[in-house]
Amino acid sequence: MTRWTLVVSDDTDKALRTFLAQTGGKKGDLSDFVENAVRDKLFHLTVGNIKQRNRVFDQAEVTNLINEAVVNVRTTPPNA
């Protein structure tokens, strides 16, 4: 575990703590909320970067390659 020291606006702090209190928040929920928010943001940034990188490819061709791979996996016996 790593400990972070964060600085957020008073409005953000109040809004989050109010939300957690209204939803039955308990000890550790603030940390869980921040960790989940960071993971979610990183996921969406990563997906966005991948989409941007893959814009140069023809989407129909990509779809065809995916479909071919799926058919190949489904028709190949295990341990073949």
N, C-alpha and C. Protein backbone atom coordinates (compact mmCIF):
# COMPACT_ATOMS: atom_id res chain seq x y z
N MET A 1 0.84 -1.18 0.00
CA MET A 1 0.00 0.00 0.00
C MET A 1 0.88 1.24 0.00
N THR A 2 0.46 2.24 -0.71
CA THR A 2 1.14 3.53 -0.75
C THR A 2 0.21 4.60 -0.22
N ARG A 3 0.76 5.51 0.55
CA ARG A 3 -0.04 6.60 1.09
C ARG A 3 0.17 7.83 0.23
N TRP A 4 -0.92 8.47 -0.17
CA TRP A 4 -0.89 9.69 -0.97
C TRP A 4 -1.33 10.85 -0.09
N THR A 5 -0.75 11.99 -0.35
CA THR A 5 -1.24 13.23 0.23
C THR A 5 -1.74 14.06 -0.93
N LEU A 6 -3.03 14.35 -0.92
CA LEU A 6 -3.66 15.06 -2.03
C LEU A 6 -4.19 16.40 -1.58
N VAL A 7 -4.23 17.32 -2.51
CA VAL A 7 -4.85 18.62 -2.25
C VAL A 7 -6.00 18.76 -3.25
N VAL A 8 -7.20 18.95 -2.72
CA VAL A 8 -8.39 19.15 -3.55
C VAL A 8 -9.11 20.39 -3.04
N SER A 9 -9.97 20.94 -3.87
CA SER A 9 -10.71 22.14 -3.45
C SER A 9 -11.68 21.78 -2.32
N ASP A 10 -12.02 22.78 -1.55
CA ASP A 10 -12.99 22.57 -0.47
C ASP A 10 -14.33 22.09 -1.02
N ASP A 11 -14.74 22.63 -2.17
CA ASP A 11 -16.01 22.22 -2.77
C ASP A 11 -15.99 20.74 -3.15
N THR A 12 -14.89 20.27 -3.73
CA THR A 12 -14.77 18.87 -4.11
C THR A 12 -14.79 17.98 -2.88
N ASP A 13 -14.05 18.38 -1.85
CA ASP A 13 -14.01 17.61 -0.61
C ASP A 13 -15.40 17.49 0.00
N LYS A 14 -16.09 18.62 0.09
CA LYS A 14 -17.43 18.62 0.69
C LYS A 14 -18.40 17.78 -0.12
N ALA A 15 -18.35 17.93 -1.45
CA ALA A 15 -19.27 17.18 -2.30
C ALA A 15 -19.03 15.68 -2.17
N LEU A 16 -17.77 15.26 -2.18
CA LEU A 16 -17.47 13.83 -2.08
C LEU A 16 -17.84 13.28 -0.71
N ARG A 17 -17.47 13.99 0.34
CA ARG A 17 -17.79 13.50 1.68
C ARG A 17 -19.31 13.47 1.91
N THR A 18 -20.03 14.44 1.36
CA THR A 18 -21.49 14.44 1.46
C THR A 18 -22.06 13.23 0.73
N PHE A 19 -21.56 13.00 -0.49
CA PHE A 19 -22.02 11.85 -1.26
C PHE A 19 -21.77 10.55 -0.50
N LEU A 20 -20.56 10.38 0.02
CA LEU A 20 -20.23 9.16 0.75
C LEU A 20 -21.11 9.00 1.99
N ALA A 21 -21.37 10.09 2.69
CA ALA A 21 -22.22 10.03 3.88
C ALA A 21 -23.65 9.64 3.52
N GLN A 22 -24.15 10.18 2.40
CA GLN A 22 -25.52 9.89 1.97
C GLN A 22 -25.67 8.45 1.47
N THR A 23 -24.58 7.84 1.07
CA THR A 23 -24.65 6.47 0.54
C THR A 23 -24.14 5.45 1.55
N GLY A 24 -24.14 5.85 2.84
CA GLY A 24 -23.77 4.92 3.90
C GLY A 24 -22.27 4.71 4.00
N GLY A 25 -21.51 5.74 3.71
CA GLY A 25 -20.06 5.64 3.74
C GLY A 25 -19.52 5.20 5.08
N LYS A 26 -18.40 4.48 5.00
CA LYS A 26 -17.74 4.02 6.21
C LYS A 26 -16.25 4.24 6.05
N LYS A 27 -15.50 3.89 7.06
CA LYS A 27 -14.05 4.10 7.04
C LYS A 27 -13.44 3.39 5.82
N GLY A 28 -12.59 4.09 5.12
CA GLY A 28 -11.93 3.52 3.95
C GLY A 28 -12.63 3.82 2.64
N ASP A 29 -13.87 4.31 2.69
CA ASP A 29 -14.61 4.58 1.46
C ASP A 29 -14.00 5.73 0.64
N LEU A 30 -13.42 6.71 1.32
CA LEU A 30 -12.78 7.82 0.61
C LEU A 30 -11.61 7.29 -0.22
N SER A 31 -10.78 6.47 0.38
CA SER A 31 -9.65 5.88 -0.34
C SER A 31 -10.12 5.00 -1.48
N ASP A 32 -11.13 4.19 -1.23
CA ASP A 32 -11.68 3.32 -2.28
C ASP A 32 -12.22 4.14 -3.44
N PHE A 33 -12.92 5.23 -3.12
CA PHE A 33 -13.49 6.08 -4.15
C PHE A 33 -12.39 6.67 -5.03
N VAL A 34 -11.36 7.21 -4.39
CA VAL A 34 -10.26 7.82 -5.14
C VAL A 34 -9.55 6.77 -5.99
N GLU A 35 -9.27 5.61 -5.43
CA GLU A 35 -8.59 4.56 -6.19
C GLU A 35 -9.42 4.13 -7.40
N ASN A 36 -10.72 3.94 -7.20
CA ASN A 36 -11.59 3.55 -8.32
C ASN A 36 -11.65 4.65 -9.37
N ALA A 37 -11.70 5.91 -8.93
CA ALA A 37 -11.75 7.02 -9.88
C ALA A 37 -10.46 7.08 -10.71
N VAL A 38 -9.33 6.87 -10.06
CA VAL A 38 -8.05 6.90 -10.78
C VAL A 38 -7.98 5.74 -11.77
N ARG A 39 -8.38 4.54 -11.34
CA ARG A 39 -8.37 3.39 -12.26
C ARG A 39 -9.29 3.64 -13.46
N ASP A 40 -10.47 4.18 -13.19
CA ASP A 40 -11.43 4.47 -14.26
C ASP A 40 -10.86 5.48 -15.25
N LYS A 41 -10.26 6.53 -14.73
CA LYS A 41 -9.68 7.57 -15.58
C LYS A 41 -8.53 6.99 -16.42
N LEU A 42 -7.66 6.19 -15.80
CA LEU A 42 -6.56 5.58 -16.53
C LEU A 42 -7.07 4.65 -17.63
N PHE A 43 -8.13 3.90 -17.33
CA PHE A 43 -8.71 3.01 -18.33
C PHE A 43 -9.21 3.81 -19.53
N HIS A 44 -9.96 4.87 -19.25
CA HIS A 44 -10.53 5.66 -20.35
C HIS A 44 -9.45 6.40 -21.14
N LEU A 45 -8.41 6.86 -20.48
CA LEU A 45 -7.30 7.49 -21.19
C LEU A 45 -6.58 6.48 -22.08
N THR A 46 -6.38 5.26 -21.56
CA THR A 46 -5.72 4.20 -22.34
C THR A 46 -6.55 3.83 -23.56
N VAL A 47 -7.86 3.66 -23.37
CA VAL A 47 -8.75 3.33 -24.50
C VAL A 47 -8.71 4.46 -25.53
N GLY A 48 -8.75 5.70 -25.06
CA GLY A 48 -8.69 6.83 -25.98
C GLY A 48 -7.39 6.86 -26.77
N ASN A 49 -6.29 6.58 -26.11
CA ASN A 49 -4.99 6.53 -26.80
C ASN A 49 -4.95 5.42 -27.84
N ILE A 50 -5.50 4.27 -27.50
CA ILE A 50 -5.52 3.15 -28.45
C ILE A 50 -6.41 3.48 -29.64
N LYS A 51 -7.57 4.08 -29.37
CA LYS A 51 -8.46 4.47 -30.47
C LYS A 51 -7.77 5.48 -31.39
N GLN A 52 -7.09 6.43 -30.79
CA GLN A 52 -6.40 7.45 -31.58
C GLN A 52 -5.30 6.80 -32.44
N ARG A 53 -4.56 5.91 -31.84
CA ARG A 53 -3.48 5.22 -32.55
C ARG A 53 -4.02 4.37 -33.70
N ASN A 54 -5.20 3.79 -33.51
CA ASN A 54 -5.75 2.87 -34.51
C ASN A 54 -6.62 3.54 -35.56
N ARG A 55 -6.74 4.87 -35.50
CA ARG A 55 -7.57 5.59 -36.48
C ARG A 55 -7.03 5.45 -37.90
N VAL A 56 -5.75 5.12 -38.04
CA VAL A 56 -5.14 5.00 -39.37
C VAL A 56 -5.57 3.72 -40.09
N PHE A 57 -6.16 2.79 -39.36
CA PHE A 57 -6.56 1.51 -39.95
C PHE A 57 -8.00 1.56 -40.43
N ASP A 58 -8.26 0.89 -41.53
CA ASP A 58 -9.61 0.78 -42.06
C ASP A 58 -10.44 -0.11 -41.12
N GLN A 59 -11.53 0.44 -40.61
CA GLN A 59 -12.32 -0.30 -39.62
C GLN A 59 -12.95 -1.57 -40.18
N ALA A 60 -13.33 -1.56 -41.43
CA ALA A 60 -13.89 -2.78 -42.04
C ALA A 60 -12.84 -3.88 -42.08
N GLU A 61 -11.60 -3.50 -42.40
CA GLU A 61 -10.51 -4.48 -42.44
C GLU A 61 -10.23 -5.03 -41.04
N VAL A 62 -10.24 -4.15 -40.05
CA VAL A 62 -10.02 -4.59 -38.67
C VAL A 62 -11.13 -5.55 -38.24
N THR A 63 -12.37 -5.22 -38.56
CA THR A 63 -13.49 -6.09 -38.21
C THR A 63 -13.36 -7.45 -38.89
N ASN A 64 -12.97 -7.46 -40.15
CA ASN A 64 -12.77 -8.73 -40.86
C ASN A 64 -11.66 -9.55 -40.22
N LEU A 65 -10.56 -8.92 -39.83
CA LEU A 65 -9.47 -9.64 -39.18
C LEU A 65 -9.92 -10.23 -37.85
N ILE A 66 -10.69 -9.47 -37.10
CA ILE A 66 -11.21 -9.97 -35.82
C ILE A 66 -12.13 -11.16 -36.05
N ASN A 67 -13.03 -11.03 -37.02
CA ASN A 67 -13.95 -12.14 -37.31
C ASN A 67 -13.21 -13.39 -37.76
N GLU A 68 -12.18 -13.22 -38.58
CA GLU A 68 -11.37 -14.37 -39.01
C GLU A 68 -10.68 -15.03 -37.82
N ALA A 69 -10.15 -14.23 -36.91
CA ALA A 69 -9.48 -14.77 -35.73
C ALA A 69 -10.45 -15.53 -34.84
N VAL A 70 -11.65 -14.98 -34.67
CA VAL A 70 -12.66 -15.65 -33.85
C VAL A 70 -13.05 -16.99 -34.47
N VAL A 71 -13.28 -17.00 -35.77
CA VAL A 71 -13.63 -18.25 -36.45
C VAL A 71 -12.50 -19.26 -36.30
N ASN A 72 -11.27 -18.80 -36.46
CA ASN A 72 -10.12 -19.70 -36.34
C ASN A 72 -10.03 -20.30 -34.94
N VAL A 73 -10.22 -19.50 -33.93
CA VAL A 73 -10.16 -20.00 -32.56
C VAL A 73 -11.29 -20.98 -32.29
N ARG A 74 -12.47 -20.68 -32.79
CA ARG A 74 -13.62 -21.54 -32.53
C ARG A 74 -13.57 -22.87 -33.30
N THR A 75 -12.84 -22.90 -34.40
CA THR A 75 -12.79 -24.13 -35.20
C THR A 75 -11.53 -24.95 -34.98
N THR A 76 -10.58 -24.40 -34.23
CA THR A 76 -9.34 -25.14 -33.96
C THR A 76 -9.53 -25.92 -32.68
N PRO A 77 -9.29 -27.24 -32.74
CA PRO A 77 -9.44 -28.04 -31.52
C PRO A 77 -8.40 -27.63 -30.47
N PRO A 78 -8.77 -27.80 -29.19
CA PRO A 78 -7.80 -27.49 -28.13
C PRO A 78 -6.54 -28.35 -28.29
N ASN A 79 -5.41 -27.81 -27.89
CA ASN A 79 -4.12 -28.51 -27.95
C ASN A 79 -3.72 -28.88 -29.36
N ALA A 80 -4.21 -28.15 -30.35
CA ALA A 80 -3.85 -28.47 -31.74
C ALA A 80 -2.59 -27.72 -32.14
